[in-house]
Amino acid sequence: MVGEEGAFVLGWDEVLTEEELSVTLKVLSMSEEEFKEYKEQDGWEDDSEEEENSTLSNEALSRLKTPCKKLLHDSVLLTLESYRSDLKADQDLLSNKEAYEKLSRREQQ
């Protein structure tokens, strides 16, 4: 999923597969004309062999086009900014039974 800021929403339960992420990055970095051409192709799976064999390894990430790299970078920054506390604060909270019980069910997971 992509938010207004262009961030991928990746969670424990619903993470894009490598293929979905690859297609999403590809589409988001296309111009309107490139997207129209891509849509008109017989199949969205008709990518080159190189792209089919790519993974999200450091080597593969280094080959991404600049707009894709920027999108991933910005997504990581937005995700990091969403954390309100650090590990020590979280550990302290978990060890304080009274404070822990005040957390919502989602926060306790």
C-alpha atoms as a PDB file:
ATOM      1  CA  MET A   1       0.000   0.000   0.000  1.00  0.00           C
ATOM      2  CA  VAL A   2       1.253   3.487  -0.709  1.00  0.00           C
ATOM      3  CA  GLY A   3       0.311   6.479   1.411  1.00  0.00           C
ATOM      4  CA  GLU A   4       0.196  10.135   0.506  1.00  0.00           C
ATOM      5  CA  GLU A   5       3.869  10.475   1.385  1.00  0.00           C
ATOM      6  CA  GLY A   6       4.770   7.632  -0.958  1.00  0.00           C
ATOM      7  CA  ALA A   7       5.614   5.182   1.818  1.00  0.00           C
ATOM      8  CA  PHE A   8       5.120   1.454   1.606  1.00  0.00           C
ATOM      9  CA  VAL A   9       3.113   0.071   4.476  1.00  0.00           C
ATOM     10  CA  LEU A  10       4.731  -3.187   5.417  1.00  0.00           C
ATOM     11  CA  GLY A  11       3.546  -5.055   8.476  1.00  0.00           C
ATOM     12  CA  TRP A  12       4.019  -8.430  10.117  1.00  0.00           C
ATOM     13  CA  ASP A  13       0.800  -9.779   8.633  1.00  0.00           C
ATOM     14  CA  GLU A  14       0.697  -8.135   5.223  1.00  0.00           C
ATOM     15  CA  VAL A  15       4.063  -7.653   3.564  1.00  0.00           C
ATOM     16  CA  LEU A  16       4.436  -7.207  -0.150  1.00  0.00           C
ATOM     17  CA  THR A  17       6.145 -10.118  -1.832  1.00  0.00           C
ATOM     18  CA  GLU A  18       9.337  -9.350  -3.727  1.00  0.00           C
ATOM     19  CA  GLU A  19       7.390  -9.558  -6.973  1.00  0.00           C
ATOM     20  CA  GLU A  20       4.654  -7.194  -5.752  1.00  0.00           C
ATOM     21  CA  LEU A  21       7.225  -4.736  -4.430  1.00  0.00           C
ATOM     22  CA  SER A  22       9.189  -4.906  -7.673  1.00  0.00           C
ATOM     23  CA  VAL A  23       6.089  -4.228  -9.796  1.00  0.00           C
ATOM     24  CA  THR A  24       4.969  -1.450  -7.441  1.00  0.00           C
ATOM     25  CA  LEU A  25       8.352   0.274  -7.609  1.00  0.00           C
ATOM     26  CA  LYS A  26       8.428  -0.132 -11.372  1.00  0.00           C
ATOM     27  CA  VAL A  27       4.942   1.351 -11.826  1.00  0.00           C
ATOM     28  CA  LEU A  28       5.455   4.212  -9.368  1.00  0.00           C
ATOM     29  CA  SER A  29       8.617   5.318 -11.141  1.00  0.00           C
ATOM     30  CA  MET A  30       7.018   5.294 -14.629  1.00  0.00           C
ATOM     31  CA  SER A  31       5.865   8.349 -16.496  1.00  0.00           C
ATOM     32  CA  GLU A  32       2.203   8.442 -17.486  1.00  0.00           C
ATOM     33  CA  GLU A  33       3.131   7.412 -21.030  1.00  0.00           C
ATOM     34  CA  GLU A  34       5.312   4.516 -19.847  1.00  0.00           C
ATOM     35  CA  PHE A  35       2.483   3.342 -17.586  1.00  0.00           C
ATOM     36  CA  LYS A  36      -0.018   3.378 -20.468  1.00  0.00           C
ATOM     37  CA  GLU A  37       2.375   1.285 -22.578  1.00  0.00           C
ATOM     38  CA  TYR A  38       2.984  -1.094 -19.694  1.00  0.00           C
ATOM     39  CA  LYS A  39      -0.749  -1.525 -19.128  1.00  0.00           C
ATOM     40  CA  GLU A  40      -1.362  -2.208 -22.816  1.00  0.00           C
ATOM     41  CA  GLN A  41       1.144  -5.080 -22.860  1.00  0.00           C
ATOM     42  CA  ASP A  42      -0.386  -8.534 -23.070  1.00  0.00           C
ATOM     43  CA  GLY A  43       0.724  -9.476 -19.587  1.00  0.00           C
ATOM     44  CA  TRP A  44       2.213  -7.749 -16.613  1.00  0.00           C
ATOM     45  CA  GLU A  45       4.413 -10.792 -16.084  1.00  0.00           C
ATOM     46  CA  ASP A  46       6.277 -10.379 -19.385  1.00  0.00           C
ATOM     47  CA  ASP A  47       9.374  -8.772 -17.858  1.00  0.00           C
ATOM     48  CA  SER A  48      12.911  -9.488 -18.924  1.00  0.00           C
ATOM     49  CA  GLU A  49      14.700 -12.517 -17.530  1.00  0.00           C
ATOM     50  CA  GLU A  50      16.998 -10.225 -15.544  1.00  0.00           C
ATOM     51  CA  GLU A  51      14.057  -8.659 -13.729  1.00  0.00           C
ATOM     52  CA  GLU A  52      12.423 -12.035 -13.090  1.00  0.00           C
ATOM     53  CA  ASN A  53      15.569 -13.322 -11.420  1.00  0.00           C
ATOM     54  CA  SER A  54      16.183 -10.228  -9.333  1.00  0.00           C
ATOM     55  CA  THR A  55      15.728 -10.253  -5.600  1.00  0.00           C
ATOM     56  CA  LEU A  56      15.840  -7.577  -2.972  1.00  0.00           C
ATOM     57  CA  SER A  57      19.472  -8.279  -2.158  1.00  0.00           C
ATOM     58  CA  ASN A  58      21.909  -5.412  -1.649  1.00  0.00           C
ATOM     59  CA  GLU A  59      23.260  -6.058  -5.138  1.00  0.00           C
ATOM     60  CA  ALA A  60      19.796  -5.917  -6.704  1.00  0.00           C
ATOM     61  CA  LEU A  61      18.869  -2.809  -4.715  1.00  0.00           C
ATOM     62  CA  SER A  62      22.005  -1.059  -5.949  1.00  0.00           C
ATOM     63  CA  ARG A  63      20.805  -1.621  -9.542  1.00  0.00           C
ATOM     64  CA  LEU A  64      17.439   0.069  -8.957  1.00  0.00           C
ATOM     65  CA  LYS A  65      16.750   3.322 -10.736  1.00  0.00           C
ATOM     66  CA  THR A  66      17.186   6.476  -8.667  1.00  0.00           C
ATOM     67  CA  PRO A  67      13.419   7.150  -8.250  1.00  0.00           C
ATOM     68  CA  CYS A  68      12.925   3.620  -6.857  1.00  0.00           C
ATOM     69  CA  LYS A  69      15.846   4.019  -4.464  1.00  0.00           C
ATOM     70  CA  LYS A  70      14.473   7.352  -3.289  1.00  0.00           C
ATOM     71  CA  LEU A  71      11.021   5.867  -2.736  1.00  0.00           C
ATOM     72  CA  LEU A  72      12.447   3.035  -0.632  1.00  0.00           C
ATOM     73  CA  HIS A  73      14.709   5.439   1.277  1.00  0.00           C
ATOM     74  CA  ASP A  74      11.846   7.808   2.055  1.00  0.00           C
ATOM     75  CA  SER A  75       9.687   4.861   3.122  1.00  0.00           C
ATOM     76  CA  VAL A  76      12.336   3.722   5.578  1.00  0.00           C
ATOM     77  CA  LEU A  77      12.710   7.232   7.009  1.00  0.00           C
ATOM     78  CA  LEU A  78       8.955   7.610   7.476  1.00  0.00           C
ATOM     79  CA  THR A  79       8.784   4.217   9.154  1.00  0.00           C
ATOM     80  CA  LEU A  80      11.621   5.082  11.531  1.00  0.00           C
ATOM     81  CA  GLU A  81       9.983   8.413  12.389  1.00  0.00           C
ATOM     82  CA  SER A  82       6.787   6.579  13.329  1.00  0.00           C
ATOM     83  CA  TYR A  83       8.461   4.965  16.341  1.00  0.00           C
ATOM     84  CA  ARG A  84       7.796   7.091  19.408  1.00  0.00           C
ATOM     85  CA  SER A  85      10.313   5.441  21.695  1.00  0.00           C
ATOM     86  CA  ASP A  86      13.560   3.556  21.709  1.00  0.00           C
ATOM     87  CA  LEU A  87      14.271  -0.039  22.714  1.00  0.00           C
ATOM     88  CA  LYS A  88      15.180   0.835  26.320  1.00  0.00           C
ATOM     89  CA  ALA A  89      11.918   2.751  26.827  1.00  0.00           C
ATOM     90  CA  ASP A  90       9.939  -0.164  25.370  1.00  0.00           C
ATOM     91  CA  GLN A  91      11.716  -2.657  27.623  1.00  0.00           C
ATOM     92  CA  ASP A  92      11.011  -0.474  30.669  1.00  0.00           C
ATOM     93  CA  LEU A  93       7.351  -0.251  29.690  1.00  0.00           C
ATOM     94  CA  LEU A  94       7.057  -4.013  29.278  1.00  0.00           C
ATOM     95  CA  SER A  95       8.605  -4.629  32.687  1.00  0.00           C
ATOM     96  CA  ASN A  96       6.147  -2.206  34.371  1.00  0.00           C
ATOM     97  CA  LYS A  97       2.961  -4.272  34.740  1.00  0.00           C
ATOM     98  CA  GLU A  98       0.755  -1.266  35.576  1.00  0.00           C
ATOM     99  CA  ALA A  99       1.937   0.728  32.559  1.00  0.00           C
ATOM    100  CA  TYR A 100       1.695  -2.351  30.321  1.00  0.00           C
ATOM    101  CA  GLU A 101      -1.951  -2.911  31.260  1.00  0.00           C
ATOM    102  CA  LYS A 102      -2.770   0.649  30.141  1.00  0.00           C
ATOM    103  CA  LEU A 103      -1.621  -0.127  26.609  1.00  0.00           C
ATOM    104  CA  SER A 104      -4.186  -0.949  23.954  1.00  0.00           C
ATOM    105  CA  ARG A 105      -4.476  -4.557  22.787  1.00  0.00           C
ATOM    106  CA  ARG A 106      -2.626  -3.654  19.571  1.00  0.00           C
ATOM    107  CA  GLU A 107       0.208  -1.999  21.527  1.00  0.00           C
ATOM    108  CA  GLN A 108       0.556  -5.079  23.737  1.00  0.00           C
ATOM    109  CA  GLN A 109       1.183  -7.374  20.751  1.00  0.00           C
END
